[in-house]
């Protein structure tokens, strides 16, 4: 998913700079990555729950943002960029979507997740 949607979901879950930063942090591994190539190994690590666990002692809010990033990528990525949340312990992934592009059907999933998070925060956390 795109960086703006990741930031929006991070903000919807917890409107703190740390959570928003954490929600875009996993894609830093793609800086300089050329389109069409396999994702770098760092991408697998930064899209893992273990990465969030490693960040949690430093910033629990950033770790929460990383988890929102992972949750958004699982249903919106295809085989090449399939998120493996338990990497390197397990290679499980859910690759039912096509690789995301601007305005393809995965945006519906992303919009629903952001709307759900905003609704939940408004009703239960306000």
N, C-alpha and C. Protein backbone atom coordinates (compact mmCIF):
# COMPACT_ATOMS: atom_id res chain seq x y z
N UNK A 1 0.85 -1.17 0.00
CA UNK A 1 0.00 0.00 0.00
C UNK A 1 0.89 1.23 0.00
N UNK A 2 0.33 2.33 -0.38
CA UNK A 2 1.13 3.55 -0.48
C UNK A 2 1.42 4.14 0.90
N UNK A 3 2.39 4.99 0.97
CA UNK A 3 2.87 5.56 2.22
C UNK A 3 1.83 6.45 2.89
N UNK A 4 1.00 7.13 2.10
CA UNK A 4 -0.01 8.02 2.67
C UNK A 4 -1.10 7.24 3.40
N UNK A 5 -1.50 6.11 2.82
CA UNK A 5 -2.52 5.28 3.47
C UNK A 5 -1.95 4.67 4.73
N UNK A 6 -0.69 4.25 4.71
CA UNK A 6 -0.06 3.73 5.92
C UNK A 6 -0.05 4.80 7.01
N UNK A 7 0.32 6.01 6.66
CA UNK A 7 0.34 7.10 7.64
C UNK A 7 -1.06 7.39 8.17
N UNK A 8 -2.06 7.36 7.29
CA UNK A 8 -3.44 7.62 7.71
C UNK A 8 -3.92 6.56 8.70
N UNK A 9 -3.59 5.30 8.44
CA UNK A 9 -4.00 4.25 9.37
C UNK A 9 -3.25 4.38 10.69
N UNK A 10 -1.97 4.70 10.64
CA UNK A 10 -1.22 4.91 11.88
C UNK A 10 -1.81 6.03 12.71
N UNK A 11 -2.17 7.13 12.05
CA UNK A 11 -2.79 8.25 12.75
C UNK A 11 -4.16 7.88 13.28
N UNK A 12 -4.93 7.09 12.49
CA UNK A 12 -6.27 6.68 12.92
C UNK A 12 -6.21 5.81 14.17
N UNK A 13 -5.19 4.98 14.27
CA UNK A 13 -5.05 4.10 15.44
C UNK A 13 -4.56 4.88 16.65
N UNK A 14 -3.57 5.74 16.45
CA UNK A 14 -3.03 6.54 17.55
C UNK A 14 -2.43 7.82 16.98
N UNK A 15 -3.09 8.96 17.18
CA UNK A 15 -2.61 10.20 16.56
C UNK A 15 -1.38 10.79 17.25
N UNK A 16 -0.30 10.02 17.24
CA UNK A 16 0.97 10.48 17.80
C UNK A 16 2.02 10.45 16.70
N UNK A 17 3.00 11.34 16.76
CA UNK A 17 4.05 11.33 15.74
C UNK A 17 4.80 9.98 15.69
N UNK A 18 4.97 9.34 16.84
CA UNK A 18 5.69 8.07 16.88
C UNK A 18 4.93 6.97 16.13
N UNK A 19 3.61 6.92 16.33
CA UNK A 19 2.81 5.90 15.65
C UNK A 19 2.79 6.13 14.15
N UNK A 20 2.64 7.38 13.73
CA UNK A 20 2.64 7.70 12.31
C UNK A 20 4.01 7.36 11.70
N UNK A 21 5.08 7.72 12.39
CA UNK A 21 6.43 7.39 11.89
C UNK A 21 6.61 5.87 11.81
N UNK A 22 6.15 5.16 12.83
CA UNK A 22 6.24 3.70 12.81
C UNK A 22 5.44 3.08 11.68
N UNK A 23 4.33 3.72 11.32
CA UNK A 23 3.48 3.17 10.27
C UNK A 23 4.11 3.29 8.88
N UNK A 24 5.08 4.17 8.72
CA UNK A 24 5.76 4.28 7.42
C UNK A 24 7.18 3.70 7.45
N UNK A 25 7.69 3.43 8.64
CA UNK A 25 9.06 2.94 8.80
C UNK A 25 9.38 1.66 8.01
N UNK A 26 8.49 0.65 7.97
CA UNK A 26 8.86 -0.57 7.24
C UNK A 26 9.20 -0.36 5.78
N UNK A 27 8.61 0.65 5.14
CA UNK A 27 8.90 0.86 3.72
C UNK A 27 10.19 1.61 3.45
N UNK A 28 10.88 2.04 4.50
CA UNK A 28 12.19 2.67 4.31
C UNK A 28 13.13 1.68 3.63
N UNK A 29 12.88 0.39 3.83
CA UNK A 29 13.71 -0.64 3.19
C UNK A 29 13.61 -0.59 1.67
N UNK A 30 12.61 0.08 1.15
CA UNK A 30 12.44 0.16 -0.30
C UNK A 30 13.06 1.41 -0.92
N UNK A 31 13.66 2.27 -0.12
CA UNK A 31 14.30 3.46 -0.68
C UNK A 31 15.39 3.05 -1.66
N UNK A 32 15.32 3.58 -2.84
CA UNK A 32 16.30 3.24 -3.87
C UNK A 32 15.99 1.95 -4.60
N UNK A 33 14.91 1.28 -4.24
CA UNK A 33 14.53 0.02 -4.89
C UNK A 33 13.94 0.30 -6.26
N UNK A 34 14.39 -0.42 -7.25
CA UNK A 34 13.88 -0.25 -8.60
C UNK A 34 12.65 -1.11 -8.81
N UNK A 35 11.62 -0.50 -9.36
CA UNK A 35 10.37 -1.19 -9.62
C UNK A 35 10.59 -2.40 -10.53
N UNK A 36 9.88 -3.48 -10.23
CA UNK A 36 9.98 -4.68 -11.05
C UNK A 36 10.95 -5.71 -10.49
N UNK A 37 11.81 -5.30 -9.57
CA UNK A 37 12.76 -6.24 -8.96
C UNK A 37 12.14 -6.89 -7.72
N UNK A 38 12.73 -7.99 -7.30
CA UNK A 38 12.30 -8.61 -6.05
C UNK A 38 12.60 -7.67 -4.89
N UNK A 39 11.78 -7.70 -3.84
CA UNK A 39 12.07 -6.83 -2.70
C UNK A 39 13.37 -7.22 -2.02
N UNK A 40 14.08 -6.25 -1.45
CA UNK A 40 15.34 -6.58 -0.75
C UNK A 40 15.05 -7.35 0.54
N UNK A 41 16.05 -8.04 1.04
CA UNK A 41 15.90 -8.82 2.27
C UNK A 41 15.45 -7.94 3.44
N UNK A 42 15.93 -6.71 3.49
CA UNK A 42 15.53 -5.80 4.57
C UNK A 42 14.02 -5.60 4.59
N UNK A 43 13.37 -5.68 3.42
CA UNK A 43 11.92 -5.54 3.34
C UNK A 43 11.22 -6.64 4.15
N UNK A 44 11.72 -7.85 4.03
CA UNK A 44 11.14 -8.98 4.79
C UNK A 44 11.27 -8.74 6.29
N UNK A 45 12.44 -8.26 6.72
CA UNK A 45 12.67 -8.01 8.14
C UNK A 45 11.78 -6.89 8.67
N UNK A 46 11.68 -5.79 7.92
CA UNK A 46 10.92 -4.65 8.43
C UNK A 46 9.42 -4.88 8.39
N UNK A 47 8.98 -5.90 7.67
CA UNK A 47 7.56 -6.24 7.61
C UNK A 47 7.26 -7.46 8.48
N UNK A 48 8.03 -7.64 9.54
CA UNK A 48 7.88 -8.77 10.45
C UNK A 48 7.47 -8.28 11.83
N UNK A 49 6.67 -9.07 12.50
CA UNK A 49 6.27 -8.77 13.88
C UNK A 49 7.50 -8.72 14.78
N UNK A 50 8.53 -9.48 14.45
CA UNK A 50 9.77 -9.44 15.23
C UNK A 50 10.42 -8.05 15.18
N UNK A 51 10.30 -7.37 14.05
CA UNK A 51 10.82 -6.01 13.93
C UNK A 51 10.05 -5.09 14.87
N UNK A 52 8.73 -5.23 14.89
CA UNK A 52 7.91 -4.43 15.81
C UNK A 52 8.29 -4.73 17.26
N UNK A 53 8.54 -6.01 17.57
CA UNK A 53 8.92 -6.38 18.93
C UNK A 53 10.28 -5.78 19.31
N UNK A 54 11.18 -5.69 18.34
CA UNK A 54 12.50 -5.11 18.62
C UNK A 54 12.41 -3.60 18.86
N UNK A 55 11.46 -2.95 18.20
CA UNK A 55 11.28 -1.50 18.35
C UNK A 55 10.48 -1.15 19.60
N UNK A 56 9.63 -2.06 20.06
CA UNK A 56 8.71 -1.78 21.18
C UNK A 56 9.39 -1.25 22.44
N UNK A 57 10.53 -1.79 22.87
CA UNK A 57 11.15 -1.22 24.08
C UNK A 57 11.61 0.23 23.89
N UNK A 58 11.94 0.59 22.67
CA UNK A 58 12.38 1.96 22.39
C UNK A 58 11.19 2.91 22.26
N UNK A 59 10.14 2.45 21.60
CA UNK A 59 8.95 3.28 21.38
C UNK A 59 7.73 2.38 21.14
N UNK A 60 6.92 2.16 22.16
CA UNK A 60 5.72 1.35 21.97
C UNK A 60 4.78 1.90 20.90
N UNK A 61 4.70 3.21 20.79
CA UNK A 61 3.83 3.81 19.77
C UNK A 61 4.37 3.53 18.36
N UNK A 62 5.66 3.58 18.17
CA UNK A 62 6.25 3.26 16.87
C UNK A 62 6.00 1.79 16.53
N UNK A 63 6.12 0.92 17.53
CA UNK A 63 5.84 -0.50 17.31
C UNK A 63 4.39 -0.71 16.90
N UNK A 64 3.48 0.03 17.51
CA UNK A 64 2.07 -0.04 17.13
C UNK A 64 1.89 0.40 15.69
N UNK A 65 2.59 1.44 15.28
CA UNK A 65 2.54 1.89 13.90
C UNK A 65 3.05 0.83 12.94
N UNK A 66 4.12 0.14 13.31
CA UNK A 66 4.65 -0.94 12.47
C UNK A 66 3.62 -2.04 12.32
N UNK A 67 2.94 -2.37 13.41
CA UNK A 67 1.91 -3.41 13.35
C UNK A 67 0.75 -3.00 12.45
N UNK A 68 0.38 -1.71 12.45
CA UNK A 68 -0.68 -1.27 11.53
C UNK A 68 -0.20 -1.39 10.08
N UNK A 69 1.06 -1.10 9.85
CA UNK A 69 1.63 -1.23 8.51
C UNK A 69 1.53 -2.68 8.04
N UNK A 70 1.94 -3.59 8.89
CA UNK A 70 1.89 -5.02 8.55
C UNK A 70 0.45 -5.46 8.30
N UNK A 71 -0.48 -5.03 9.17
CA UNK A 71 -1.88 -5.41 9.02
C UNK A 71 -2.47 -4.91 7.71
N UNK A 72 -2.04 -3.74 7.27
CA UNK A 72 -2.54 -3.19 6.02
C UNK A 72 -1.91 -3.89 4.82
N UNK A 73 -0.66 -4.27 4.92
CA UNK A 73 0.02 -4.91 3.79
C UNK A 73 -0.41 -6.36 3.57
N UNK A 74 -0.78 -7.07 4.62
CA UNK A 74 -1.12 -8.49 4.46
C UNK A 74 -2.22 -8.70 3.42
N UNK A 75 -3.36 -8.00 3.50
CA UNK A 75 -4.40 -8.27 2.49
C UNK A 75 -4.25 -7.48 1.19
N UNK A 76 -3.26 -6.60 1.09
CA UNK A 76 -3.18 -5.76 -0.11
C UNK A 76 -1.95 -6.00 -0.97
N UNK A 77 -1.18 -7.03 -0.68
CA UNK A 77 0.01 -7.31 -1.47
C UNK A 77 -0.12 -8.66 -2.17
N UNK A 78 0.47 -8.72 -3.35
CA UNK A 78 0.48 -9.97 -4.10
C UNK A 78 1.68 -10.82 -3.74
N UNK A 79 1.99 -11.78 -4.57
CA UNK A 79 3.02 -12.76 -4.26
C UNK A 79 4.41 -12.15 -4.11
N UNK A 80 4.81 -11.28 -5.03
CA UNK A 80 6.18 -10.75 -5.00
C UNK A 80 6.48 -9.99 -3.70
N UNK A 81 5.55 -9.17 -3.26
CA UNK A 81 5.74 -8.37 -2.05
C UNK A 81 4.90 -8.89 -0.89
N UNK A 82 4.54 -10.15 -0.93
CA UNK A 82 3.69 -10.73 0.13
C UNK A 82 4.35 -10.51 1.49
N UNK A 83 3.57 -9.98 2.42
CA UNK A 83 4.07 -9.72 3.76
C UNK A 83 4.13 -11.02 4.54
N UNK A 84 5.28 -11.32 5.08
CA UNK A 84 5.49 -12.51 5.91
C UNK A 84 5.61 -12.05 7.36
N UNK A 85 4.49 -11.96 8.07
CA UNK A 85 4.52 -11.36 9.41
C UNK A 85 5.37 -12.11 10.43
N UNK A 86 5.66 -13.37 10.18
CA UNK A 86 6.45 -14.16 11.14
C UNK A 86 7.87 -14.43 10.65
N UNK A 87 8.31 -13.67 9.64
CA UNK A 87 9.66 -13.82 9.11
C UNK A 87 10.67 -13.50 10.21
N UNK A 88 11.73 -14.23 10.37
CA UNK A 88 12.24 -15.38 9.63
C UNK A 88 11.80 -16.72 10.21
N UNK A 89 10.92 -16.68 11.21
CA UNK A 89 10.49 -17.93 11.86
C UNK A 89 9.60 -18.77 10.95
N UNK A 90 8.81 -18.13 10.11
CA UNK A 90 7.92 -18.85 9.20
C UNK A 90 7.73 -18.01 7.95
N UNK A 91 7.56 -18.66 6.84
CA UNK A 91 7.38 -17.97 5.57
C UNK A 91 5.92 -17.79 5.19
N UNK A 92 5.00 -18.01 6.14
CA UNK A 92 3.58 -17.88 5.83
C UNK A 92 3.26 -16.49 5.30
N UNK A 93 2.40 -16.45 4.30
CA UNK A 93 1.91 -15.18 3.79
C UNK A 93 0.54 -15.40 3.16
N UNK A 94 -0.20 -14.33 3.03
CA UNK A 94 -1.50 -14.35 2.40
C UNK A 94 -1.38 -13.51 1.14
N UNK A 95 -1.30 -14.16 0.02
CA UNK A 95 -1.10 -13.42 -1.23
C UNK A 95 -2.31 -13.64 -2.13
N UNK A 96 -3.42 -13.00 -1.78
CA UNK A 96 -4.63 -13.14 -2.58
C UNK A 96 -4.87 -11.93 -3.46
N UNK A 97 -4.15 -10.86 -3.22
CA UNK A 97 -4.35 -9.62 -3.99
C UNK A 97 -3.34 -9.56 -5.13
N UNK A 98 -3.63 -8.70 -6.06
CA UNK A 98 -2.62 -8.36 -7.06
C UNK A 98 -1.68 -7.37 -6.39
N UNK A 99 -0.51 -7.18 -6.96
CA UNK A 99 0.38 -6.17 -6.38
C UNK A 99 -0.36 -4.84 -6.44
N UNK A 100 -0.30 -4.08 -5.37
CA UNK A 100 -1.07 -2.84 -5.34
C UNK A 100 -0.53 -1.83 -6.33
N UNK A 101 -1.42 -1.11 -6.88
CA UNK A 101 -1.14 0.04 -7.73
C UNK A 101 -2.14 1.10 -7.31
N UNK A 102 -1.87 2.34 -7.64
CA UNK A 102 -2.82 3.37 -7.27
C UNK A 102 -4.19 3.06 -7.85
N UNK A 103 -5.19 3.06 -7.01
CA UNK A 103 -6.60 2.92 -7.34
C UNK A 103 -7.00 1.55 -7.85
N UNK A 104 -6.30 0.48 -7.49
CA UNK A 104 -6.83 -0.84 -7.82
C UNK A 104 -7.72 -1.31 -6.67
N UNK A 105 -8.19 -2.54 -6.73
CA UNK A 105 -9.19 -3.00 -5.76
C UNK A 105 -8.66 -3.09 -4.33
N UNK A 106 -7.36 -3.12 -4.12
CA UNK A 106 -6.84 -3.19 -2.75
C UNK A 106 -7.09 -1.90 -1.99
N UNK A 107 -7.38 -0.81 -2.70
CA UNK A 107 -7.67 0.45 -2.01
C UNK A 107 -8.96 0.36 -1.21
N UNK A 108 -9.90 -0.48 -1.65
CA UNK A 108 -11.14 -0.65 -0.90
C UNK A 108 -10.82 -1.24 0.46
N UNK A 109 -9.97 -2.25 0.50
CA UNK A 109 -9.56 -2.85 1.77
C UNK A 109 -8.89 -1.81 2.66
N UNK A 110 -7.99 -1.05 2.09
CA UNK A 110 -7.27 -0.04 2.87
C UNK A 110 -8.23 1.02 3.41
N UNK A 111 -9.14 1.48 2.58
CA UNK A 111 -10.10 2.51 3.02
C UNK A 111 -10.98 1.97 4.14
N UNK A 112 -11.38 0.72 4.05
CA UNK A 112 -12.21 0.12 5.10
C UNK A 112 -11.43 -0.02 6.41
N UNK A 113 -10.17 -0.39 6.33
CA UNK A 113 -9.35 -0.50 7.54
C UNK A 113 -9.16 0.85 8.22
N UNK A 114 -8.91 1.89 7.44
CA UNK A 114 -8.75 3.22 8.01
C UNK A 114 -10.07 3.69 8.62
N UNK A 115 -11.18 3.46 7.91
CA UNK A 115 -12.49 3.86 8.44
C UNK A 115 -12.82 3.10 9.72
N UNK A 116 -12.51 1.82 9.76
CA UNK A 116 -12.75 1.02 10.96
C UNK A 116 -11.93 1.56 12.14
N UNK A 117 -10.67 1.85 11.89
CA UNK A 117 -9.81 2.35 12.98
C UNK A 117 -10.31 3.69 13.49
N UNK A 118 -10.71 4.57 12.59
CA UNK A 118 -11.23 5.88 13.02
C UNK A 118 -12.52 5.73 13.81
N UNK A 119 -13.41 4.86 13.36
CA UNK A 119 -14.67 4.62 14.05
C UNK A 119 -14.42 4.03 15.43
N UNK A 120 -13.55 3.04 15.50
CA UNK A 120 -13.23 2.41 16.78
C UNK A 120 -12.66 3.43 17.76
N UNK A 121 -11.72 4.23 17.28
CA UNK A 121 -11.11 5.24 18.16
C UNK A 121 -12.13 6.25 18.63
N UNK A 122 -13.01 6.67 17.73
CA UNK A 122 -14.03 7.67 18.07
C UNK A 122 -15.02 7.13 19.10
N UNK A 123 -15.46 5.90 18.91
CA UNK A 123 -16.49 5.33 19.80
C UNK A 123 -15.91 4.86 21.12
N UNK A 124 -14.82 4.12 21.08
CA UNK A 124 -14.34 3.44 22.27
C UNK A 124 -13.19 4.14 23.00
N UNK A 125 -12.47 5.01 22.33
CA UNK A 125 -11.29 5.59 22.96
C UNK A 125 -11.43 7.09 23.23
N UNK A 126 -12.55 7.67 22.90
CA UNK A 126 -12.73 9.11 23.12
C UNK A 126 -13.44 9.39 24.42
